[in-house]
Amino acid sequence: MTLAARRFPDTITRRRRAPGERNGLGEWVPGAVTETDLRASVQPLKLEDADLEGGVRLQERLKVYIPQPHALIAAFGDREADRVLVDGAEYVTESSSTWIGNSAHTKAVLLREG
C-alpha cells in the first residue's frame, strides 16, 4: 500500500550535514551540507514562551509527516540534527520517529526559535 500524494501537499527542504573529519594537518573540517526536497504534511503544533538564558523567546513547533522512513533525524550523540526549511523559515529537527507498517513514514517535530 502506498500513501496518496495528496496526503502530503507540502514541500520542505532538508539540510543534512555529513560527518566531518580531520584533514592532514589534524584540523577539523565539517562535512558538506546536502539539501533534499521532500513531500510532507506540515501541521502547526504550538507556539509558546520559553525562559532561556538571555531572556524570553517565542518558540514555534511544527509536526511533519513524510512518506518515507528516516527522512529527518534529530540530534543524537555527536550527530547533528537535520535542519529543515518550511516556507523560507529554518527549523531544527527536535524529535523524529519512523513507523513501518503497510508503508513506512516519518513523523517529526520541528522547532524554530525567534
PDB file of N, CA and C in Angstrom:
ATOM      1  N   MET A   1       0.848  -1.186   0.000  1.00  0.00           N
ATOM      2  CA  MET A   1       0.000   0.000   0.000  1.00  0.00           C
ATOM      3  C   MET A   1       0.884   1.236   0.000  1.00  0.00           C
ATOM      4  N   THR A   2       0.625   2.163  -0.916  1.00  0.00           N
ATOM      5  CA  THR A   2       1.362   3.412  -0.937  1.00  0.00           C
ATOM      6  C   THR A   2       0.441   4.528  -0.458  1.00  0.00           C
ATOM      7  N   LEU A   3       1.052   5.538   0.113  1.00  0.00           N
ATOM      8  CA  LEU A   3       0.277   6.673   0.607  1.00  0.00           C
ATOM      9  C   LEU A   3       0.025   7.649  -0.529  1.00  0.00           C
ATOM     10  N   ALA A   4      -1.185   8.166  -0.622  1.00  0.00           N
ATOM     11  CA  ALA A   4      -1.560   9.075  -1.695  1.00  0.00           C
ATOM     12  C   ALA A   4      -0.796  10.390  -1.589  1.00  0.00           C
ATOM     13  N   ALA A   5      -0.312  10.898  -2.728  1.00  0.00           N
ATOM     14  CA  ALA A   5       0.459  12.143  -2.759  1.00  0.00           C
ATOM     15  C   ALA A   5      -0.356  13.308  -2.199  1.00  0.00           C
ATOM     16  N   ARG A   6      -1.662  13.294  -2.377  1.00  0.00           N
ATOM     17  CA  ARG A   6      -2.492  14.399  -1.895  1.00  0.00           C
ATOM     18  C   ARG A   6      -2.478  14.504  -0.369  1.00  0.00           C
ATOM     19  N   ARG A   7      -2.096  13.420   0.316  1.00  0.00           N
ATOM     20  CA  ARG A   7      -1.995  13.454   1.772  1.00  0.00           C
ATOM     21  C   ARG A   7      -0.744  14.207   2.219  1.00  0.00           C
ATOM     22  N   PHE A   8       0.172  14.493   1.275  1.00  0.00           N
ATOM     23  CA  PHE A   8       1.422  15.188   1.570  1.00  0.00           C
ATOM     24  C   PHE A   8       1.565  16.367   0.602  1.00  0.00           C
ATOM     25  N   PRO A   9       0.728  17.415   0.794  1.00  0.00           N
ATOM     26  CA  PRO A   9       0.655  18.502  -0.179  1.00  0.00           C
ATOM     27  C   PRO A   9       1.783  19.529  -0.077  1.00  0.00           C
ATOM     28  N   ASP A  10       2.592  19.465   0.976  1.00  0.00           N
ATOM     29  CA  ASP A  10       3.619  20.477   1.196  1.00  0.00           C
ATOM     30  C   ASP A  10       4.983  19.972   0.734  1.00  0.00           C
ATOM     31  N   THR A  11       5.886  20.906   0.490  1.00  0.00           N
ATOM     32  CA  THR A  11       7.270  20.572   0.179  1.00  0.00           C
ATOM     33  C   THR A  11       8.153  21.255   1.201  1.00  0.00           C
ATOM     34  N   ILE A  12       9.050  20.473   1.811  1.00  0.00           N
ATOM     35  CA  ILE A  12      10.025  21.015   2.752  1.00  0.00           C
ATOM     36  C   ILE A  12      11.411  20.684   2.207  1.00  0.00           C
ATOM     37  N   THR A  13      12.410  21.405   2.681  1.00  0.00           N
ATOM     38  CA  THR A  13      13.784  21.149   2.251  1.00  0.00           C
ATOM     39  C   THR A  13      14.611  20.728   3.451  1.00  0.00           C
ATOM     40  N   ARG A  14      15.164  19.520   3.380  1.00  0.00           N
ATOM     41  CA  ARG A  14      16.022  19.012   4.448  1.00  0.00           C
ATOM     42  C   ARG A  14      17.460  19.440   4.172  1.00  0.00           C
ATOM     43  N   ARG A  15      18.126  19.946   5.212  1.00  0.00           N
ATOM     44  CA  ARG A  15      19.556  20.253   5.141  1.00  0.00           C
ATOM     45  C   ARG A  15      20.271  19.292   6.084  1.00  0.00           C
ATOM     46  N   ARG A  16      21.003  18.354   5.520  1.00  0.00           N
ATOM     47  CA  ARG A  16      21.684  17.342   6.327  1.00  0.00           C
ATOM     48  C   ARG A  16      23.194  17.486   6.138  1.00  0.00           C
ATOM     49  N   ARG A  17      23.908  17.555   7.281  1.00  0.00           N
ATOM     50  CA  ARG A  17      25.362  17.672   7.241  1.00  0.00           C
ATOM     51  C   ARG A  17      25.982  16.286   7.355  1.00  0.00           C
ATOM     52  N   ALA A  18      26.906  16.000   6.446  1.00  0.00           N
ATOM     53  CA  ALA A  18      27.656  14.750   6.500  1.00  0.00           C
ATOM     54  C   ALA A  18      28.637  14.823   7.672  1.00  0.00           C
ATOM     55  N   PRO A  19      29.068  13.673   8.188  1.00  0.00           N
ATOM     56  CA  PRO A  19      30.048  13.701   9.273  1.00  0.00           C
ATOM     57  C   PRO A  19      31.325  14.422   8.830  1.00  0.00           C
ATOM     58  N   GLY A  20      31.949  15.137   9.751  1.00  0.00           N
ATOM     59  CA  GLY A  20      33.199  15.825   9.459  1.00  0.00           C
ATOM     60  C   GLY A  20      34.390  14.895   9.628  1.00  0.00           C
ATOM     61  N   GLU A  21      35.567  15.431   9.370  1.00  0.00           N
ATOM     62  CA  GLU A  21      36.784  14.636   9.510  1.00  0.00           C
ATOM     63  C   GLU A  21      37.975  15.556   9.719  1.00  0.00           C
ATOM     64  N   ARG A  22      39.064  14.981  10.152  1.00  0.00           N
ATOM     65  CA  ARG A  22      40.298  15.735  10.325  1.00  0.00           C
ATOM     66  C   ARG A  22      41.092  15.692   9.019  1.00  0.00           C
ATOM     67  N   ASN A  23      41.659  16.846   8.651  1.00  0.00           N
ATOM     68  CA  ASN A  23      42.488  16.886   7.445  1.00  0.00           C
ATOM     69  C   ASN A  23      43.910  16.432   7.777  1.00  0.00           C
ATOM     70  N   GLY A  24      44.811  16.497   6.814  1.00  0.00           N
ATOM     71  CA  GLY A  24      46.179  16.050   7.000  1.00  0.00           C
ATOM     72  C   GLY A  24      46.941  16.814   8.071  1.00  0.00           C
ATOM     73  N   LEU A  25      46.472  18.018   8.432  1.00  0.00           N
ATOM     74  CA  LEU A  25      47.121  18.825   9.471  1.00  0.00           C
ATOM     75  C   LEU A  25      46.476  18.615  10.830  1.00  0.00           C
ATOM     76  N   GLY A  26      45.472  17.738  10.895  1.00  0.00           N
ATOM     77  CA  GLY A  26      44.784  17.478  12.156  1.00  0.00           C
ATOM     78  C   GLY A  26      43.682  18.468  12.480  1.00  0.00           C
ATOM     79  N   GLU A  27      43.376  19.359  11.549  1.00  0.00           N
ATOM     80  CA  GLU A  27      42.317  20.347  11.755  1.00  0.00           C
ATOM     81  C   GLU A  27      40.963  19.726  11.422  1.00  0.00           C
ATOM     82  N   TRP A  28      39.958  20.102  12.180  1.00  0.00           N
ATOM     83  CA  TRP A  28      38.603  19.581  11.955  1.00  0.00           C
ATOM     84  C   TRP A  28      37.975  20.279  10.760  1.00  0.00           C
ATOM     85  N   VAL A  29      37.449  19.494   9.836  1.00  0.00           N
ATOM     86  CA  VAL A  29      36.755  20.017   8.656  1.00  0.00           C
ATOM     87  C   VAL A  29      35.321  19.506   8.712  1.00  0.00           C
ATOM     88  N   PRO A  30      34.338  20.423   8.846  1.00  0.00           N
ATOM     89  CA  PRO A  30      32.935  19.982   8.895  1.00  0.00           C
ATOM     90  C   PRO A  30      32.531  19.317   7.581  1.00  0.00           C
ATOM     91  N   GLY A  31      31.590  18.389   7.676  1.00  0.00           N
ATOM     92  CA  GLY A  31      31.083  17.718   6.491  1.00  0.00           C
ATOM     93  C   GLY A  31      30.239  18.653   5.637  1.00  0.00           C
ATOM     94  N   ALA A  32      30.071  18.282   4.387  1.00  0.00           N
ATOM     95  CA  ALA A  32      29.265  19.083   3.458  1.00  0.00           C
ATOM     96  C   ALA A  32      27.783  18.979   3.813  1.00  0.00           C
ATOM     97  N   VAL A  33      27.040  20.019   3.476  1.00  0.00           N
ATOM     98  CA  VAL A  33      25.594  20.041   3.689  1.00  0.00           C
ATOM     99  C   VAL A  33      24.918  19.739   2.359  1.00  0.00           C
ATOM    100  N   THR A  34      23.998  18.772   2.376  1.00  0.00           N
ATOM    101  CA  THR A  34      23.212  18.491   1.178  1.00  0.00           C
ATOM    102  C   THR A  34      21.763  18.885   1.444  1.00  0.00           C
ATOM    103  N   GLU A  35      21.123  19.401   0.416  1.00  0.00           N
ATOM    104  CA  GLU A  35      19.713  19.784   0.511  1.00  0.00           C
ATOM    105  C   GLU A  35      18.882  18.822  -0.322  1.00  0.00           C
ATOM    106  N   THR A  36      17.765  18.390   0.273  1.00  0.00           N
ATOM    107  CA  THR A  36      16.851  17.469  -0.401  1.00  0.00           C
ATOM    108  C   THR A  36      15.421  17.953  -0.197  1.00  0.00           C
ATOM    109  N   ASP A  37      14.672  18.107  -1.289  1.00  0.00           N
ATOM    110  CA  ASP A  37      13.257  18.458  -1.185  1.00  0.00           C
ATOM    111  C   ASP A  37      12.456  17.197  -0.885  1.00  0.00           C
ATOM    112  N   LEU A  38      11.523  17.309   0.071  1.00  0.00           N
ATOM    113  CA  LEU A  38      10.699  16.179   0.491  1.00  0.00           C
ATOM    114  C   LEU A  38       9.224  16.566   0.477  1.00  0.00           C
ATOM    115  N   ARG A  39       8.370  15.644   0.033  1.00  0.00           N
ATOM    116  CA  ARG A  39       6.918  15.833   0.170  1.00  0.00           C
ATOM    117  C   ARG A  39       6.579  15.626   1.631  1.00  0.00           C
ATOM    118  N   ALA A  40       5.645  16.439   2.144  1.00  0.00           N
ATOM    119  CA  ALA A  40       5.305  16.337   3.563  1.00  0.00           C
ATOM    120  C   ALA A  40       3.906  16.876   3.815  1.00  0.00           C
ATOM    121  N   SER A  41       3.416  16.548   4.988  1.00  0.00           N
ATOM    122  CA  SER A  41       2.214  17.177   5.531  1.00  0.00           C
ATOM    123  C   SER A  41       2.689  17.962   6.744  1.00  0.00           C
ATOM    124  N   VAL A  42       2.586  19.284   6.681  1.00  0.00           N
ATOM    125  CA  VAL A  42       3.076  20.161   7.750  1.00  0.00           C
ATOM    126  C   VAL A  42       1.883  20.673   8.547  1.00  0.00           C
ATOM    127  N   GLN A  43       1.960  20.524   9.875  1.00  0.00           N
ATOM    128  CA  GLN A  43       0.845  20.916  10.735  1.00  0.00           C
ATOM    129  C   GLN A  43       1.374  21.732  11.908  1.00  0.00           C
ATOM    130  N   PRO A  44       0.696  22.828  12.256  1.00  0.00           N
ATOM    131  CA  PRO A  44       1.129  23.603  13.418  1.00  0.00           C
ATOM    132  C   PRO A  44       0.956  22.780  14.685  1.00  0.00           C
ATOM    133  N   LEU A  45       1.879  22.933  15.614  1.00  0.00           N
ATOM    134  CA  LEU A  45       1.791  22.193  16.860  1.00  0.00           C
ATOM    135  C   LEU A  45       1.447  23.138  17.998  1.00  0.00           C
ATOM    136  N   LYS A  46       2.341  24.101  18.280  1.00  0.00           N
ATOM    137  CA  LYS A  46       2.031  25.098  19.295  1.00  0.00           C
ATOM    138  C   LYS A  46       3.071  26.203  19.273  1.00  0.00           C
ATOM    139  N   LEU A  47       2.707  27.315  19.844  1.00  0.00           N
ATOM    140  CA  LEU A  47       3.589  28.457  19.996  1.00  0.00           C
ATOM    141  C   LEU A  47       3.627  28.761  21.474  1.00  0.00           C
ATOM    142  N   GLU A  48       4.818  28.849  22.047  1.00  0.00           N
ATOM    143  CA  GLU A  48       4.910  29.063  23.489  1.00  0.00           C
ATOM    144  C   GLU A  48       6.113  29.921  23.828  1.00  0.00           C
ATOM    145  N   ASP A  49       6.066  30.528  24.998  1.00  0.00           N
ATOM    146  CA  ASP A  49       7.198  31.288  25.518  1.00  0.00           C
ATOM    147  C   ASP A  49       8.145  30.328  26.213  1.00  0.00           C
ATOM    148  N   ALA A  50       9.439  30.590  26.084  1.00  0.00           N
ATOM    149  CA  ALA A  50      10.429  29.776  26.778  1.00  0.00           C
ATOM    150  C   ALA A  50      11.398  30.704  27.486  1.00  0.00           C
ATOM    151  N   ASP A  51      11.656  30.453  28.767  1.00  0.00           N
ATOM    152  CA  ASP A  51      12.635  31.222  29.514  1.00  0.00           C
ATOM    153  C   ASP A  51      14.007  30.648  29.223  1.00  0.00           C
ATOM    154  N   LEU A  52      14.765  31.342  28.413  1.00  0.00           N
ATOM    155  CA  LEU A  52      16.095  30.890  28.045  1.00  0.00           C
ATOM    156  C   LEU A  52      17.111  31.901  28.553  1.00  0.00           C
ATOM    157  N   GLU A  53      18.350  31.481  28.626  1.00  0.00           N
ATOM    158  CA  GLU A  53      19.405  32.403  29.024  1.00  0.00           C
ATOM    159  C   GLU A  53      19.392  33.582  28.057  1.00  0.00           C
ATOM    160  N   GLY A  54      19.381  34.774  28.584  1.00  0.00           N
ATOM    161  CA  GLY A  54      19.324  35.955  27.736  1.00  0.00           C
ATOM    162  C   GLY A  54      17.916  36.478  27.544  1.00  0.00           C
ATOM    163  N   GLY A  55      16.911  35.850  28.159  1.00  0.00           N
ATOM    164  CA  GLY A  55      15.553  36.372  28.070  1.00  0.00           C
ATOM    165  C   GLY A  55      14.564  35.383  27.494  1.00  0.00           C
ATOM    166  N   VAL A  56      13.332  35.833  27.461  1.00  0.00           N
ATOM    167  CA  VAL A  56      12.233  35.010  26.970  1.00  0.00           C
ATOM    168  C   VAL A  56      12.210  35.064  25.446  1.00  0.00           C
ATOM    169  N   ARG A  57      11.993  33.920  24.823  1.00  0.00           N
ATOM    170  CA  ARG A  57      11.871  33.852  23.375  1.00  0.00           C
ATOM    171  C   ARG A  57      10.640  33.048  23.012  1.00  0.00           C
ATOM    172  N   LEU A  58      10.093  33.370  21.868  1.00  0.00           N
ATOM    173  CA  LEU A  58       8.985  32.567  21.351  1.00  0.00           C
ATOM    174  C   LEU A  58       9.558  31.354  20.639  1.00  0.00           C
ATOM    175  N   GLN A  59       8.914  30.227  20.823  1.00  0.00           N
ATOM    176  CA  GLN A  59       9.292  29.008  20.113  1.00  0.00           C
ATOM    177  C   GLN A  59       8.087  28.536  19.316  1.00  0.00           C
ATOM    178  N   GLU A  60       8.309  28.235  18.083  1.00  0.00           N
ATOM    179  CA  GLU A  60       7.244  27.690  17.241  1.00  0.00           C
ATOM    180  C   GLU A  60       7.600  26.248  16.913  1.00  0.00           C
ATOM    181  N   ARG A  61       6.632  25.384  17.032  1.00  0.00           N
ATOM    182  CA  ARG A  61       6.838  23.977  16.710  1.00  0.00           C
ATOM    183  C   ARG A  61       5.863  23.559  15.610  1.00  0.00           C
ATOM    184  N   LEU A  62       6.360  22.715  14.728  1.00  0.00           N
ATOM    185  CA  LEU A  62       5.550  22.129  13.674  1.00  0.00           C
ATOM    186  C   LEU A  62       5.671  20.616  13.758  1.00  0.00           C
ATOM    187  N   LYS A  63       4.600  19.951  13.370  1.00  0.00           N
ATOM    188  CA  LYS A  63       4.624  18.493  13.239  1.00  0.00           C
ATOM    189  C   LYS A  63       4.606  18.206  11.744  1.00  0.00           C
ATOM    190  N   VAL A  64       5.495  17.328  11.286  1.00  0.00           N
ATOM    191  CA  VAL A  64       5.522  16.981   9.870  1.00  0.00           C
ATOM    192  C   VAL A  64       5.468  15.468   9.709  1.00  0.00           C
ATOM    193  N   TYR A  65       4.779  15.054   8.670  1.00  0.00           N
ATOM    194  CA  TYR A  65       4.704  13.651   8.283  1.00  0.00           C
ATOM    195  C   TYR A  65       5.280  13.541   6.876  1.00  0.00           C
ATOM    196  N   ILE A  66       6.176  12.575   6.671  1.00  0.00           N
ATOM    197  CA  ILE A  66       6.859  12.412   5.388  1.00  0.00           C
ATOM    198  C   ILE A  66       6.714  10.943   4.975  1.00  0.00           C
ATOM    199  N   PRO A  67       6.309  10.678   3.725  1.00  0.00           N
ATOM    200  CA  PRO A  67       6.049   9.296   3.309  1.00  0.00           C
ATOM    201  C   PRO A  67       7.296   8.488   2.950  1.00  0.00           C
ATOM    202  N   GLN A  68       8.299   8.517   3.832  1.00  0.00           N
ATOM    203  CA  GLN A  68       9.477   7.667   3.672  1.00  0.00           C
ATOM    204  C   GLN A  68      10.161   7.525   5.031  1.00  0.00           C
ATOM    205  N   PRO A  69      10.811   6.400   5.278  1.00  0.00           N
ATOM    206  CA  PRO A  69      11.443   6.189   6.582  1.00  0.00           C
ATOM    207  C   PRO A  69      12.719   7.016   6.749  1.00  0.00           C
ATOM    208  N   HIS A  70      13.013   7.384   7.985  1.00  0.00           N
ATOM    209  CA  HIS A  70      14.260   8.071   8.345  1.00  0.00           C
ATOM    210  C   HIS A  70      14.499   9.341   7.531  1.00  0.00           C
ATOM    211  N   ALA A  71      13.425  10.041   7.170  1.00  0.00           N
ATOM    212  CA  ALA A  71      13.550  11.237   6.342  1.00  0.00           C
ATOM    213  C   ALA A  71      14.178  12.397   7.100  1.00  0.00           C
ATOM    214  N   LEU A  72      13.942  12.479   8.411  1.00  0.00           N
ATOM    215  CA  LEU A  72      14.537  13.517   9.239  1.00  0.00           C
ATOM    216  C   LEU A  72      15.157  12.870  10.466  1.00  0.00           C
ATOM    217  N   ILE A  73      16.286  13.408  10.894  1.00  0.00           N
ATOM    218  CA  ILE A  73      16.998  12.848  12.036  1.00  0.00           C
ATOM    219  C   ILE A  73      17.251  13.946  13.058  1.00  0.00           C
ATOM    220  N   ALA A  74      16.909  13.668  14.326  1.00  0.00           N
ATOM    221  CA  ALA A  74      17.182  14.591  15.420  1.00  0.00           C
ATOM    222  C   ALA A  74      18.606  14.368  15.914  1.00  0.00           C
ATOM    223  N   ALA A  75      19.130  15.320  16.690  1.00  0.00           N
ATOM    224  CA  ALA A  75      20.482  15.188  17.234  1.00  0.00           C
ATOM    225  C   ALA A  75      20.558  13.960  18.135  1.00  0.00           C
ATOM    226  N   PHE A  76      21.683  13.264  18.048  1.00  0.00           N
ATOM    227  CA  PHE A  76      21.900  12.082  18.880  1.00  0.00           C
ATOM    228  C   PHE A  76      23.401  11.902  19.034  1.00  0.00           C
ATOM    229  N   GLY A  77      23.898  11.976  20.274  1.00  0.00           N
ATOM    230  CA  GLY A  77      25.338  11.869  20.494  1.00  0.00           C
ATOM    231  C   GLY A  77      26.062  12.976  19.752  1.00  0.00           C
ATOM    232  N   ASP A  78      26.993  12.598  18.881  1.00  0.00           N
ATOM    233  CA  ASP A  78      27.743  13.570  18.087  1.00  0.00           C
ATOM    234  C   ASP A  78      27.024  13.940  16.793  1.00  0.00           C
ATOM    235  N   ARG A  79      25.902  13.313  16.531  1.00  0.00           N
ATOM    236  CA  ARG A  79      25.158  13.537  15.280  1.00  0.00           C
ATOM    237  C   ARG A  79      24.392  14.847  15.349  1.00  0.00           C
ATOM    238  N   GLU A  80      24.611  15.696  14.366  1.00  0.00           N
ATOM    239  CA  GLU A  80      23.911  16.978  14.281  1.00  0.00           C
ATOM    240  C   GLU A  80      22.503  16.743  13.736  1.00  0.00           C
ATOM    241  N   ALA A  81      21.529  17.455  14.294  1.00  0.00           N
ATOM    242  CA  ALA A  81      20.144  17.332  13.831  1.00  0.00           C
ATOM    243  C   ALA A  81      19.998  17.916  12.431  1.00  0.00           C
ATOM    244  N   ASP A  82      19.089  17.306  11.656  1.00  0.00           N
ATOM    245  CA  ASP A  82      18.760  17.877  10.354  1.00  0.00           C
ATOM    246  C   ASP A  82      18.106  19.231  10.551  1.00  0.00           C
ATOM    247  N   ARG A  83      18.400  20.149   9.658  1.00  0.00           N
ATOM    248  CA  ARG A  83      17.724  21.442   9.615  1.00  0.00           C
ATOM    249  C   ARG A  83      16.728  21.363   8.464  1.00  0.00           C
ATOM    250  N   VAL A  84      15.617  22.094   8.609  1.00  0.00           N
ATOM    251  CA  VAL A  84      14.541  21.991   7.631  1.00  0.00           C
ATOM    252  C   VAL A  84      14.029  23.379   7.290  1.00  0.00           C
ATOM    253  N   LEU A  85      13.854  23.651   5.993  1.00  0.00           N
ATOM    254  CA  LEU A  85      13.242  24.897   5.541  1.00  0.00           C
ATOM    255  C   LEU A  85      11.774  24.638   5.251  1.00  0.00           C
ATOM    256  N   VAL A  86      10.915  25.433   5.889  1.00  0.00           N
ATOM    257  CA  VAL A  86       9.471  25.368   5.659  1.00  0.00           C
ATOM    258  C   VAL A  86       9.023  26.787   5.347  1.00  0.00           C
ATOM    259  N   ASP A  87       8.536  27.010   4.143  1.00  0.00           N
ATOM    260  CA  ASP A  87       8.095  28.337   3.707  1.00  0.00           C
ATOM    261  C   ASP A  87       9.153  29.406   3.980  1.00  0.00           C
ATOM    262  N   GLY A  88      10.413  29.080   3.733  1.00  0.00           N
ATOM    263  CA  GLY A  88      11.503  30.037   3.869  1.00  0.00           C
ATOM    264  C   GLY A  88      12.071  30.198   5.272  1.00  0.00           C
ATOM    265  N   ALA A  89      11.443  29.604   6.279  1.00  0.00           N
ATOM    266  CA  ALA A  89      11.924  29.692   7.655  1.00  0.00           C
ATOM    267  C   ALA A  89      12.691  28.417   8.008  1.00  0.00           C
ATOM    268  N   GLU A  90      13.782  28.565   8.798  1.00  0.00           N
ATOM    269  CA  GLU A  90      14.582  27.404   9.161  1.00  0.00           C
ATOM    270  C   GLU A  90      14.199  26.869  10.529  1.00  0.00           C
ATOM    271  N   TYR A  91      14.052  25.557  10.589  1.00  0.00           N
ATOM    272  CA  TYR A  91      13.717  24.829  11.810  1.00  0.00           C
ATOM    273  C   TYR A  91      14.790  23.779  12.051  1.00  0.00           C
ATOM    274  N   VAL A  92      14.877  23.298  13.279  1.00  0.00           N
ATOM    275  CA  VAL A  92      15.753  22.176  13.599  1.00  0.00           C
ATOM    276  C   VAL A  92      14.858  21.004  13.979  1.00  0.00           C
ATOM    277  N   THR A  93      15.291  19.791  13.632  1.00  0.00           N
ATOM    278  CA  THR A  93      14.525  18.596  13.974  1.00  0.00           C
ATOM    279  C   THR A  93      14.710  18.306  15.453  1.00  0.00           C
ATOM    280  N   GLU A  94      13.629  18.490  16.211  1.00  0.00           N
ATOM    281  CA  GLU A  94      13.670  18.281  17.659  1.00  0.00           C
ATOM    282  C   GLU A  94      13.520  16.799  18.004  1.00  0.00           C
ATOM    283  N   SER A  95      12.645  16.102  17.297  1.00  0.00           N
ATOM    284  CA  SER A  95      12.460  14.673  17.505  1.00  0.00           C
ATOM    285  C   SER A  95      11.932  14.062  16.215  1.00  0.00           C
ATOM    286  N   SER A  96      12.201  12.771  16.044  1.00  0.00           N
ATOM    287  CA  SER A  96      11.664  12.082  14.868  1.00  0.00           C
ATOM    288  C   SER A  96      11.524  10.597  15.175  1.00  0.00           C
ATOM    289  N   SER A  97      10.562   9.985  14.510  1.00  0.00           N
ATOM    290  CA  SER A  97      10.364   8.545  14.646  1.00  0.00           C
ATOM    291  C   SER A  97       9.838   8.018  13.320  1.00  0.00           C
ATOM    292  N   THR A  98      10.086   6.741  13.093  1.00  0.00           N
ATOM    293  CA  THR A  98       9.669   6.100  11.851  1.00  0.00           C
ATOM    294  C   THR A  98       8.706   4.974  12.173  1.00  0.00           C
ATOM    295  N   TRP A  99       7.617   4.908  11.410  1.00  0.00           N
ATOM    296  CA  TRP A  99       6.660   3.815  11.526  1.00  0.00           C
ATOM    297  C   TRP A  99       6.786   2.953  10.287  1.00  0.00           C
ATOM    298  N   ILE A 100       6.830   1.658  10.505  1.00  0.00           N
ATOM    299  CA  ILE A 100       6.872   0.741   9.374  1.00  0.00           C
ATOM    300  C   ILE A 100       5.688  -0.204   9.510  1.00  0.00           C
ATOM    301  N   GLY A 101       4.800  -0.130   8.567  1.00  0.00           N
ATOM    302  CA  GLY A 101       3.607  -0.970   8.548  1.00  0.00           C
ATOM    303  C   GLY A 101       3.381  -1.355   7.106  1.00  0.00           C
ATOM    304  N   ASN A 102       2.196  -1.073   6.595  1.00  0.00           N
ATOM    305  CA  ASN A 102       1.944  -1.296   5.174  1.00  0.00           C
ATOM    306  C   ASN A 102       2.828  -0.390   4.328  1.00  0.00           C
ATOM    307  N   SER A 103       3.178   0.747   4.880  1.00  0.00           N
ATOM    308  CA  SER A 103       4.124   1.656   4.232  1.00  0.00           C
ATOM    309  C   SER A 103       4.891   2.359   5.351  1.00  0.00           C
ATOM    310  N   ALA A 104       6.080   2.816   5.063  1.00  0.00           N
ATOM    311  CA  ALA A 104       6.911   3.458   6.086  1.00  0.00           C
ATOM    312  C   ALA A 104       6.830   4.968   5.928  1.00  0.00           C
ATOM    313  N   HIS A 105       6.797   5.652   7.071  1.00  0.00           N
ATOM    314  CA  HIS A 105       6.826   7.106   7.021  1.00  0.00           C
ATOM    315  C   HIS A 105       7.488   7.643   8.278  1.00  0.00           C
ATOM    316  N   THR A 106       7.834   8.918   8.238  1.00  0.00           N
ATOM    317  CA  THR A 106       8.497   9.594   9.351  1.00  0.00           C
ATOM    318  C   THR A 106       7.557  10.637   9.928  1.00  0.00           C
ATOM    319  N   LYS A 107       7.513  10.695  11.248  1.00  0.00           N
ATOM    320  CA  LYS A 107       6.811  11.759  11.966  1.00  0.00           C
ATOM    321  C   LYS A 107       7.890  12.514  12.731  1.00  0.00           C
ATOM    322  N   ALA A 108       7.933  13.843  12.568  1.00  0.00           N
ATOM    323  CA  ALA A 108       8.952  14.637  13.256  1.00  0.00           C
ATOM    324  C   ALA A 108       8.350  15.908  13.816  1.00  0.00           C
ATOM    325  N   VAL A 109       8.994  16.420  14.858  1.00  0.00           N
ATOM    326  CA  VAL A 109       8.646  17.715  15.436  1.00  0.00           C
ATOM    327  C   VAL A 109       9.796  18.643  15.122  1.00  0.00           C
ATOM    328  N   LEU A 110       9.460  19.806  14.537  1.00  0.00           N
ATOM    329  CA  LEU A 110      10.452  20.806  14.176  1.00  0.00           C
ATOM    330  C   LEU A 110      10.323  21.992  15.114  1.00  0.00           C
ATOM    331  N   LEU A 111      11.451  22.610  15.452  1.00  0.00           N
ATOM    332  CA  LEU A 111      11.483  23.735  16.384  1.00  0.00           C
ATOM    333  C   LEU A 111      12.116  24.937  15.711  1.00  0.00           C
ATOM    334  N   ARG A 112      11.467  26.075  15.859  1.00  0.00           N
ATOM    335  CA  ARG A 112      12.017  27.352  15.384  1.00  0.00           C
ATOM    336  C   ARG A 112      11.994  28.318  16.548  1.00  0.00           C
ATOM    337  N   GLU A 113      13.144  28.868  16.870  1.00  0.00           N
ATOM    338  CA  GLU A 113      13.232  29.858  17.934  1.00  0.00           C
ATOM    339  C   GLU A 113      13.311  31.228  17.300  1.00  0.00           C
ATOM    340  N   GLY A 114      12.661  32.168  17.912  1.00  0.00           N
ATOM    341  CA  GLY A 114      12.706  33.514  17.345  1.00  0.00           C
ATOM    342  C   GLY A 114      12.715  34.569  18.377  1.00  0.00           C
TER     343      GLY A 114
END
